[in-house]
Amino acid sequence: MRPEKRRLAPLAWTPAVLWFTLAAGPGAVIGNTVFGDPNEPSTWWFGIPSIWTWQVLGWASGVGLIWFVGQHMGLATVPRHESAAAEKS
């Protein structure tokens, strides 16, 4: 990573940890009831079960996180120098 991009590392770690916790990890349990009662379709905010909405929001935020890490932190660019390949002796 380029030195000028290193200062963005804490800015990337915070949403990454939140995403792993809330979207892909145990926080997904929250999504079961946050947008309505799963057993009562009349309470669903978007006309679909709450967990579906939670997972779509998690997917979209994950795409945004990958975009940020790839584009703004420079992890989707070709390195400036060539690294030596490890050879088996």
PDB file of N, CA and C in Angstrom:
ATOM      1  N   MET A   1       0.844  -1.166   0.000  1.00  0.00           N
ATOM      2  CA  MET A   1       0.000   0.000   0.000  1.00  0.00           C
ATOM      3  C   MET A   1       0.897   1.240   0.000  1.00  0.00           C
ATOM      4  N   ARG A   2       0.517   2.232  -0.753  1.00  0.00           N
ATOM      5  CA  ARG A   2       1.303   3.455  -0.814  1.00  0.00           C
ATOM      6  C   ARG A   2       1.244   4.188   0.527  1.00  0.00           C
ATOM      7  N   PRO A   3       2.321   4.874   0.901  1.00  0.00           N
ATOM      8  CA  PRO A   3       2.369   5.556   2.200  1.00  0.00           C
ATOM      9  C   PRO A   3       1.246   6.574   2.405  1.00  0.00           C
ATOM     10  N   GLU A   4       0.855   7.291   1.374  1.00  0.00           N
ATOM     11  CA  GLU A   4      -0.201   8.296   1.551  1.00  0.00           C
ATOM     12  C   GLU A   4      -1.575   7.659   1.779  1.00  0.00           C
ATOM     13  N   LYS A   5      -1.705   6.394   1.432  1.00  0.00           N
ATOM     14  CA  LYS A   5      -2.969   5.687   1.654  1.00  0.00           C
ATOM     15  C   LYS A   5      -3.010   4.985   3.018  1.00  0.00           C
ATOM     16  N   ARG A   6      -1.887   4.846   3.671  1.00  0.00           N
ATOM     17  CA  ARG A   6      -1.833   4.148   4.960  1.00  0.00           C
ATOM     18  C   ARG A   6      -2.676   4.837   6.024  1.00  0.00           C
ATOM     19  N   ARG A   7      -2.834   6.137   5.916  1.00  0.00           N
ATOM     20  CA  ARG A   7      -3.634   6.855   6.916  1.00  0.00           C
ATOM     21  C   ARG A   7      -5.113   6.497   6.829  1.00  0.00           C
ATOM     22  N   LEU A   8      -5.531   5.924   5.715  1.00  0.00           N
ATOM     23  CA  LEU A   8      -6.925   5.506   5.545  1.00  0.00           C
ATOM     24  C   LEU A   8      -7.199   4.128   6.147  1.00  0.00           C
ATOM     25  N   ALA A   9      -6.167   3.431   6.579  1.00  0.00           N
ATOM     26  CA  ALA A   9      -6.350   2.068   7.098  1.00  0.00           C
ATOM     27  C   ALA A   9      -7.337   1.999   8.266  1.00  0.00           C
ATOM     28  N   PRO A  10      -7.239   2.859   9.299  1.00  0.00           N
ATOM     29  CA  PRO A  10      -8.242   2.785  10.366  1.00  0.00           C
ATOM     30  C   PRO A  10      -9.651   3.083   9.863  1.00  0.00           C
ATOM     31  N   LEU A  11      -9.735   3.946   8.857  1.00  0.00           N
ATOM     32  CA  LEU A  11     -11.035   4.273   8.285  1.00  0.00           C
ATOM     33  C   LEU A  11     -11.643   3.066   7.566  1.00  0.00           C
ATOM     34  N   ALA A  12     -10.818   2.169   7.088  1.00  0.00           N
ATOM     35  CA  ALA A  12     -11.308   0.959   6.415  1.00  0.00           C
ATOM     36  C   ALA A  12     -11.571  -0.160   7.404  1.00  0.00           C
ATOM     37  N   TRP A  13     -10.770  -0.270   8.450  1.00  0.00           N
ATOM     38  CA  TRP A  13     -10.945  -1.355   9.419  1.00  0.00           C
ATOM     39  C   TRP A  13     -12.259  -1.229  10.186  1.00  0.00           C
ATOM     40  N   THR A  14     -12.646  -0.031  10.545  1.00  0.00           N
ATOM     41  CA  THR A  14     -13.869   0.151  11.337  1.00  0.00           C
ATOM     42  C   THR A  14     -15.101  -0.366  10.601  1.00  0.00           C
ATOM     43  N   PRO A  15     -15.373   0.076   9.373  1.00  0.00           N
ATOM     44  CA  PRO A  15     -16.551  -0.484   8.695  1.00  0.00           C
ATOM     45  C   PRO A  15     -16.402  -1.966   8.368  1.00  0.00           C
ATOM     46  N   ALA A  16     -15.173  -2.432   8.154  1.00  0.00           N
ATOM     47  CA  ALA A  16     -14.983  -3.854   7.857  1.00  0.00           C
ATOM     48  C   ALA A  16     -15.373  -4.714   9.051  1.00  0.00           C
ATOM     49  N   VAL A  17     -14.935  -4.324  10.230  1.00  0.00           N
ATOM     50  CA  VAL A  17     -15.289  -5.087  11.438  1.00  0.00           C
ATOM     51  C   VAL A  17     -16.790  -5.008  11.686  1.00  0.00           C
ATOM     52  N   LEU A  18     -17.376  -3.823  11.508  1.00  0.00           N
ATOM     53  CA  LEU A  18     -18.824  -3.693  11.667  1.00  0.00           C
ATOM     54  C   LEU A  18     -19.570  -4.563  10.662  1.00  0.00           C
ATOM     55  N   TRP A  19     -19.092  -4.592   9.411  1.00  0.00           N
ATOM     56  CA  TRP A  19     -19.763  -5.390   8.405  1.00  0.00           C
ATOM     57  C   TRP A  19     -19.698  -6.874   8.752  1.00  0.00           C
ATOM     58  N   PHE A  20     -18.505  -7.358   9.140  1.00  0.00           N
ATOM     59  CA  PHE A  20     -18.378  -8.772   9.497  1.00  0.00           C
ATOM     60  C   PHE A  20     -19.272  -9.126  10.676  1.00  0.00           C
ATOM     61  N   THR A  21     -19.417  -8.207  11.606  1.00  0.00           N
ATOM     62  CA  THR A  21     -20.242  -8.477  12.789  1.00  0.00           C
ATOM     63  C   THR A  21     -21.729  -8.416  12.466  1.00  0.00           C
ATOM     64  N   LEU A  22     -22.158  -7.379  11.780  1.00  0.00           N
ATOM     65  CA  LEU A  22     -23.590  -7.167  11.572  1.00  0.00           C
ATOM     66  C   LEU A  22     -24.160  -7.885  10.353  1.00  0.00           C
ATOM     67  N   ALA A  23     -23.429  -7.916   9.263  1.00  0.00           N
ATOM     68  CA  ALA A  23     -23.989  -8.481   8.030  1.00  0.00           C
ATOM     69  C   ALA A  23     -23.677  -9.954   7.866  1.00  0.00           C
ATOM     70  N   ALA A  24     -22.460 -10.359   8.192  1.00  0.00           N
ATOM     71  CA  ALA A  24     -22.071 -11.741   7.944  1.00  0.00           C
ATOM     72  C   ALA A  24     -21.991 -12.572   9.211  1.00  0.00           C
ATOM     73  N   GLY A  25     -22.047 -11.953  10.348  1.00  0.00           N
ATOM     74  CA  GLY A  25     -21.836 -12.675  11.594  1.00  0.00           C
ATOM     75  C   GLY A  25     -23.064 -12.711  12.474  1.00  0.00           C
ATOM     76  N   PRO A  26     -22.832 -12.702  13.782  1.00  0.00           N
ATOM     77  CA  PRO A  26     -23.941 -12.854  14.731  1.00  0.00           C
ATOM     78  C   PRO A  26     -24.926 -11.700  14.719  1.00  0.00           C
ATOM     79  N   GLY A  27     -24.521 -10.547  14.192  1.00  0.00           N
ATOM     80  CA  GLY A  27     -25.433  -9.409  14.125  1.00  0.00           C
ATOM     81  C   GLY A  27     -26.588  -9.624  13.171  1.00  0.00           C
ATOM     82  N   ALA A  28     -26.498 -10.632  12.323  1.00  0.00           N
ATOM     83  CA  ALA A  28     -27.592 -10.913  11.388  1.00  0.00           C
ATOM     84  C   ALA A  28     -28.862 -11.313  12.137  1.00  0.00           C
ATOM     85  N   VAL A  29     -28.740 -11.752  13.368  1.00  0.00           N
ATOM     86  CA  VAL A  29     -29.915 -12.091  14.173  1.00  0.00           C
ATOM     87  C   VAL A  29     -30.759 -10.845  14.416  1.00  0.00           C
ATOM     88  N   ILE A  30     -30.103  -9.690  14.522  1.00  0.00           N
ATOM     89  CA  ILE A  30     -30.818  -8.430  14.707  1.00  0.00           C
ATOM     90  C   ILE A  30     -31.763  -8.199  13.530  1.00  0.00           C
ATOM     91  N   GLY A  31     -31.290  -8.544  12.345  1.00  0.00           N
ATOM     92  CA  GLY A  31     -32.068  -8.314  11.137  1.00  0.00           C
ATOM     93  C   GLY A  31     -33.349  -9.102  11.049  1.00  0.00           C
ATOM     94  N   ASN A  32     -33.524 -10.071  11.897  1.00  0.00           N
ATOM     95  CA  ASN A  32     -34.730 -10.888  11.850  1.00  0.00           C
ATOM     96  C   ASN A  32     -35.959 -10.113  12.294  1.00  0.00           C
ATOM     97  N   THR A  33     -35.781  -9.101  13.139  1.00  0.00           N
ATOM     98  CA  THR A  33     -36.938  -8.369  13.655  1.00  0.00           C
ATOM     99  C   THR A  33     -36.848  -6.860  13.488  1.00  0.00           C
ATOM    100  N   VAL A  34     -35.752  -6.336  12.981  1.00  0.00           N
ATOM    101  CA  VAL A  34     -35.578  -4.887  12.931  1.00  0.00           C
ATOM    102  C   VAL A  34     -36.525  -4.197  11.950  1.00  0.00           C
ATOM    103  N   PHE A  35     -36.957  -4.847  10.897  1.00  0.00           N
ATOM    104  CA  PHE A  35     -37.854  -4.248   9.908  1.00  0.00           C
ATOM    105  C   PHE A  35     -39.246  -4.871   9.944  1.00  0.00           C
ATOM    106  N   GLY A  36     -39.645  -5.395  11.080  1.00  0.00           N
ATOM    107  CA  GLY A  36     -40.981  -5.949  11.239  1.00  0.00           C
ATOM    108  C   GLY A  36     -40.940  -7.340  11.855  1.00  0.00           C
ATOM    109  N   ASP A  37     -42.061  -7.746  12.376  1.00  0.00           N
ATOM    110  CA  ASP A  37     -42.194  -9.071  12.999  1.00  0.00           C
ATOM    111  C   ASP A  37     -42.185 -10.134  11.907  1.00  0.00           C
ATOM    112  N   PRO A  38     -41.273 -11.124  12.013  1.00  0.00           N
ATOM    113  CA  PRO A  38     -41.192 -12.134  10.954  1.00  0.00           C
ATOM    114  C   PRO A  38     -42.456 -12.981  10.821  1.00  0.00           C
ATOM    115  N   ASN A  39     -43.270 -13.055  11.858  1.00  0.00           N
ATOM    116  CA  ASN A  39     -44.486 -13.870  11.813  1.00  0.00           C
ATOM    117  C   ASN A  39     -45.727 -13.085  11.416  1.00  0.00           C
ATOM    118  N   GLU A  40     -45.584 -11.783  11.203  1.00  0.00           N
ATOM    119  CA  GLU A  40     -46.729 -10.932  10.862  1.00  0.00           C
ATOM    120  C   GLU A  40     -46.421 -10.107   9.616  1.00  0.00           C
ATOM    121  N   PRO A  41     -46.783 -10.609   8.432  1.00  0.00           N
ATOM    122  CA  PRO A  41     -46.464  -9.910   7.183  1.00  0.00           C
ATOM    123  C   PRO A  41     -46.980  -8.474   7.108  1.00  0.00           C
ATOM    124  N   SER A  42     -48.014  -8.130   7.831  1.00  0.00           N
ATOM    125  CA  SER A  42     -48.534  -6.761   7.768  1.00  0.00           C
ATOM    126  C   SER A  42     -47.579  -5.755   8.407  1.00  0.00           C
ATOM    127  N   THR A  43     -46.603  -6.202   9.182  1.00  0.00           N
ATOM    128  CA  THR A  43     -45.643  -5.290   9.822  1.00  0.00           C
ATOM    129  C   THR A  43     -44.349  -5.141   9.026  1.00  0.00           C
ATOM    130  N   TRP A  44     -44.202  -5.854   7.942  1.00  0.00           N
ATOM    131  CA  TRP A  44     -42.970  -5.776   7.151  1.00  0.00           C
ATOM    132  C   TRP A  44     -42.899  -4.419   6.468  1.00  0.00           C
ATOM    133  N   TRP A  45     -41.803  -3.701   6.633  1.00  0.00           N
ATOM    134  CA  TRP A  45     -41.650  -2.351   6.109  1.00  0.00           C
ATOM    135  C   TRP A  45     -41.636  -2.312   4.582  1.00  0.00           C
ATOM    136  N   PHE A  46     -40.969  -3.232   3.949  1.00  0.00           N
ATOM    137  CA  PHE A  46     -40.785  -3.180   2.501  1.00  0.00           C
ATOM    138  C   PHE A  46     -41.555  -4.278   1.765  1.00  0.00           C
ATOM    139  N   GLY A  47     -42.452  -4.940   2.463  1.00  0.00           N
ATOM    140  CA  GLY A  47     -43.242  -5.995   1.844  1.00  0.00           C
ATOM    141  C   GLY A  47     -42.513  -7.325   1.729  1.00  0.00           C
ATOM    142  N   ILE A  48     -41.332  -7.407   2.295  1.00  0.00           N
ATOM    143  CA  ILE A  48     -40.569  -8.660   2.319  1.00  0.00           C
ATOM    144  C   ILE A  48     -40.126  -8.902   3.755  1.00  0.00           C
ATOM    145  N   PRO A  49     -39.794 -10.145   4.089  1.00  0.00           N
ATOM    146  CA  PRO A  49     -39.371 -10.430   5.463  1.00  0.00           C
ATOM    147  C   PRO A  49     -38.179  -9.566   5.875  1.00  0.00           C
ATOM    148  N   SER A  50     -38.131  -9.238   7.130  1.00  0.00           N
ATOM    149  CA  SER A  50     -37.102  -8.368   7.678  1.00  0.00           C
ATOM    150  C   SER A  50     -35.694  -8.878   7.414  1.00  0.00           C
ATOM    151  N   ILE A  51     -35.487 -10.165   7.536  1.00  0.00           N
ATOM    152  CA  ILE A  51     -34.139 -10.718   7.345  1.00  0.00           C
ATOM    153  C   ILE A  51     -33.682 -10.553   5.897  1.00  0.00           C
ATOM    154  N   TRP A  52     -34.618 -10.589   4.949  1.00  0.00           N
ATOM    155  CA  TRP A  52     -34.251 -10.367   3.542  1.00  0.00           C
ATOM    156  C   TRP A  52     -33.765  -8.934   3.351  1.00  0.00           C
ATOM    157  N   THR A  53     -34.500  -7.988   3.916  1.00  0.00           N
ATOM    158  CA  THR A  53     -34.092  -6.583   3.835  1.00  0.00           C
ATOM    159  C   THR A  53     -32.726  -6.398   4.476  1.00  0.00           C
ATOM    160  N   TRP A  54     -32.522  -6.989   5.643  1.00  0.00           N
ATOM    161  CA  TRP A  54     -31.251  -6.890   6.355  1.00  0.00           C
ATOM    162  C   TRP A  54     -30.108  -7.443   5.502  1.00  0.00           C
ATOM    163  N   GLN A  55     -30.336  -8.563   4.865  1.00  0.00           N
ATOM    164  CA  GLN A  55     -29.286  -9.179   4.050  1.00  0.00           C
ATOM    165  C   GLN A  55     -29.010  -8.379   2.772  1.00  0.00           C
ATOM    166  N   VAL A  56     -30.036  -7.798   2.169  1.00  0.00           N
ATOM    167  CA  VAL A  56     -29.820  -6.957   0.988  1.00  0.00           C
ATOM    168  C   VAL A  56     -29.017  -5.721   1.379  1.00  0.00           C
ATOM    169  N   LEU A  57     -29.341  -5.103   2.498  1.00  0.00           N
ATOM    170  CA  LEU A  57     -28.576  -3.961   2.985  1.00  0.00           C
ATOM    171  C   LEU A  57     -27.137  -4.376   3.320  1.00  0.00           C
ATOM    172  N   GLY A  58     -26.973  -5.563   3.897  1.00  0.00           N
ATOM    173  CA  GLY A  58     -25.640  -6.072   4.190  1.00  0.00           C
ATOM    174  C   GLY A  58     -24.843  -6.326   2.924  1.00  0.00           C
ATOM    175  N   TRP A  59     -25.486  -6.870   1.909  1.00  0.00           N
ATOM    176  CA  TRP A  59     -24.814  -7.108   0.638  1.00  0.00           C
ATOM    177  C   TRP A  59     -24.381  -5.784   0.016  1.00  0.00           C
ATOM    178  N   ALA A  60     -25.281  -4.810  -0.012  1.00  0.00           N
ATOM    179  CA  ALA A  60     -24.974  -3.515  -0.613  1.00  0.00           C
ATOM    180  C   ALA A  60     -23.847  -2.807   0.132  1.00  0.00           C
ATOM    181  N   SER A  61     -23.867  -2.866   1.451  1.00  0.00           N
ATOM    182  CA  SER A  61     -22.787  -2.232   2.214  1.00  0.00           C
ATOM    183  C   SER A  61     -21.474  -2.981   2.010  1.00  0.00           C
ATOM    184  N   GLY A  62     -21.523  -4.288   1.808  1.00  0.00           N
ATOM    185  CA  GLY A  62     -20.312  -5.058   1.511  1.00  0.00           C
ATOM    186  C   GLY A  62     -19.711  -4.680   0.169  1.00  0.00           C
ATOM    187  N   VAL A  63     -20.558  -4.457  -0.824  1.00  0.00           N
ATOM    188  CA  VAL A  63     -20.080  -4.005  -2.127  1.00  0.00           C
ATOM    189  C   VAL A  63     -19.428  -2.632  -1.988  1.00  0.00           C
ATOM    190  N   GLY A  64     -20.045  -1.750  -1.216  1.00  0.00           N
ATOM    191  CA  GLY A  64     -19.465  -0.431  -0.972  1.00  0.00           C
ATOM    192  C   GLY A  64     -18.132  -0.512  -0.253  1.00  0.00           C
ATOM    193  N   LEU A  65     -18.025  -1.425   0.687  1.00  0.00           N
ATOM    194  CA  LEU A  65     -16.777  -1.609   1.428  1.00  0.00           C
ATOM    195  C   LEU A  65     -15.667  -2.120   0.516  1.00  0.00           C
ATOM    196  N   ILE A  66     -15.973  -3.086  -0.336  1.00  0.00           N
ATOM    197  CA  ILE A  66     -14.985  -3.603  -1.284  1.00  0.00           C
ATOM    198  C   ILE A  66     -14.564  -2.509  -2.262  1.00  0.00           C
ATOM    199  N   TRP A  67     -15.513  -1.703  -2.711  1.00  0.00           N
ATOM    200  CA  TRP A  67     -15.197  -0.592  -3.614  1.00  0.00           C
ATOM    201  C   TRP A  67     -14.256   0.398  -2.928  1.00  0.00           C
ATOM    202  N   PHE A  68     -14.536   0.741  -1.675  1.00  0.00           N
ATOM    203  CA  PHE A  68     -13.681   1.679  -0.948  1.00  0.00           C
ATOM    204  C   PHE A  68     -12.264   1.126  -0.792  1.00  0.00           C
ATOM    205  N   VAL A  69     -12.161  -0.108  -0.374  1.00  0.00           N
ATOM    206  CA  VAL A  69     -10.845  -0.717  -0.167  1.00  0.00           C
ATOM    207  C   VAL A  69     -10.098  -0.851  -1.493  1.00  0.00           C
ATOM    208  N   GLY A  70     -10.795  -1.206  -2.537  1.00  0.00           N
ATOM    209  CA  GLY A  70     -10.138  -1.389  -3.825  1.00  0.00           C
ATOM    210  C   GLY A  70      -9.721  -0.097  -4.493  1.00  0.00           C
ATOM    211  N   GLN A  71     -10.613   0.870  -4.520  1.00  0.00           N
ATOM    212  CA  GLN A  71     -10.344   2.100  -5.250  1.00  0.00           C
ATOM    213  C   GLN A  71      -9.636   3.170  -4.415  1.00  0.00           C
ATOM    214  N   HIS A  72     -10.169   3.473  -3.264  1.00  0.00           N
ATOM    215  CA  HIS A  72      -9.633   4.583  -2.483  1.00  0.00           C
ATOM    216  C   HIS A  72      -8.379   4.242  -1.694  1.00  0.00           C
ATOM    217  N   MET A  73      -8.217   2.992  -1.363  1.00  0.00           N
ATOM    218  CA  MET A  73      -7.007   2.610  -0.633  1.00  0.00           C
ATOM    219  C   MET A  73      -5.931   2.086  -1.570  1.00  0.00           C
ATOM    220  N   GLY A  74      -6.263   1.938  -2.826  1.00  0.00           N
ATOM    221  CA  GLY A  74      -5.274   1.549  -3.818  1.00  0.00           C
ATOM    222  C   GLY A  74      -4.953   0.075  -3.858  1.00  0.00           C
ATOM    223  N   LEU A  75      -5.831  -0.766  -3.349  1.00  0.00           N
ATOM    224  CA  LEU A  75      -5.557  -2.200  -3.352  1.00  0.00           C
ATOM    225  C   LEU A  75      -5.996  -2.881  -4.645  1.00  0.00           C
ATOM    226  N   ALA A  76      -6.567  -2.108  -5.573  1.00  0.00           N
ATOM    227  CA  ALA A  76      -6.962  -2.672  -6.857  1.00  0.00           C
ATOM    228  C   ALA A  76      -6.042  -2.177  -7.970  1.00  0.00           C
ATOM    229  N   THR A  77      -4.866  -1.729  -7.604  1.00  0.00           N
ATOM    230  CA  THR A  77      -3.928  -1.216  -8.597  1.00  0.00           C
ATOM    231  C   THR A  77      -2.732  -2.152  -8.726  1.00  0.00           C
ATOM    232  N   VAL A  78      -2.076  -2.048  -9.850  1.00  0.00           N
ATOM    233  CA  VAL A  78      -0.879  -2.850 -10.098  1.00  0.00           C
ATOM    234  C   VAL A  78       0.264  -2.250  -9.282  1.00  0.00           C
ATOM    235  N   PRO A  79       1.064  -3.084  -8.606  1.00  0.00           N
ATOM    236  CA  PRO A  79       2.178  -2.545  -7.827  1.00  0.00           C
ATOM    237  C   PRO A  79       3.190  -1.821  -8.721  1.00  0.00           C
ATOM    238  N   ARG A  80       3.848  -0.815  -8.152  1.00  0.00           N
ATOM    239  CA  ARG A  80       4.826  -0.047  -8.923  1.00  0.00           C
ATOM    240  C   ARG A  80       6.089  -0.839  -9.207  1.00  0.00           C
ATOM    241  N   HIS A  81       6.473  -1.712  -8.305  1.00  0.00           N
ATOM    242  CA  HIS A  81       7.697  -2.492  -8.507  1.00  0.00           C
ATOM    243  C   HIS A  81       7.352  -3.973  -8.524  1.00  0.00           C
ATOM    244  N   GLU A  82       8.182  -4.715  -9.184  1.00  0.00           N
ATOM    245  CA  GLU A  82       7.955  -6.149  -9.306  1.00  0.00           C
ATOM    246  C   GLU A  82       8.603  -6.852  -8.119  1.00  0.00           C
ATOM    247  N   SER A  83       7.868  -7.725  -7.485  1.00  0.00           N
ATOM    248  CA  SER A  83       8.437  -8.465  -6.369  1.00  0.00           C
ATOM    249  C   SER A  83       9.027  -9.767  -6.872  1.00  0.00           C
ATOM    250  N   ALA A  84      10.049 -10.218  -6.207  1.00  0.00           N
ATOM    251  CA  ALA A  84      10.712 -11.454  -6.601  1.00  0.00           C
ATOM    252  C   ALA A  84       9.849 -12.652  -6.187  1.00  0.00           C
ATOM    253  N   ALA A  85       9.721 -13.591  -7.065  1.00  0.00           N
ATOM    254  CA  ALA A  85       8.951 -14.785  -6.765  1.00  0.00           C
ATOM    255  C   ALA A  85       9.757 -15.711  -5.873  1.00  0.00           C
ATOM    256  N   ALA A  86       9.083 -16.350  -4.963  1.00  0.00           N
ATOM    257  CA  ALA A  86       9.780 -17.305  -4.107  1.00  0.00           C
ATOM    258  C   ALA A  86      10.026 -18.579  -4.901  1.00  0.00           C
ATOM    259  N   GLU A  87      11.248 -19.004  -4.914  1.00  0.00           N
ATOM    260  CA  GLU A  87      11.615 -20.192  -5.666  1.00  0.00           C
ATOM    261  C   GLU A  87      11.897 -21.340  -4.717  1.00  0.00           C
ATOM    262  N   LYS A  88      11.511 -22.494  -5.135  1.00  0.00           N
ATOM    263  CA  LYS A  88      11.751 -23.690  -4.337  1.00  0.00           C
ATOM    264  C   LYS A  88      13.162 -24.185  -4.639  1.00  0.00           C
ATOM    265  N   SER A  89      13.943 -24.405  -3.594  1.00  0.00           N
ATOM    266  CA  SER A  89      15.327 -24.855  -3.848  1.00  0.00           C
ATOM    267  C   SER A  89      15.464 -26.354  -3.795  1.00  0.00           C
TER     268      SER A  89
END
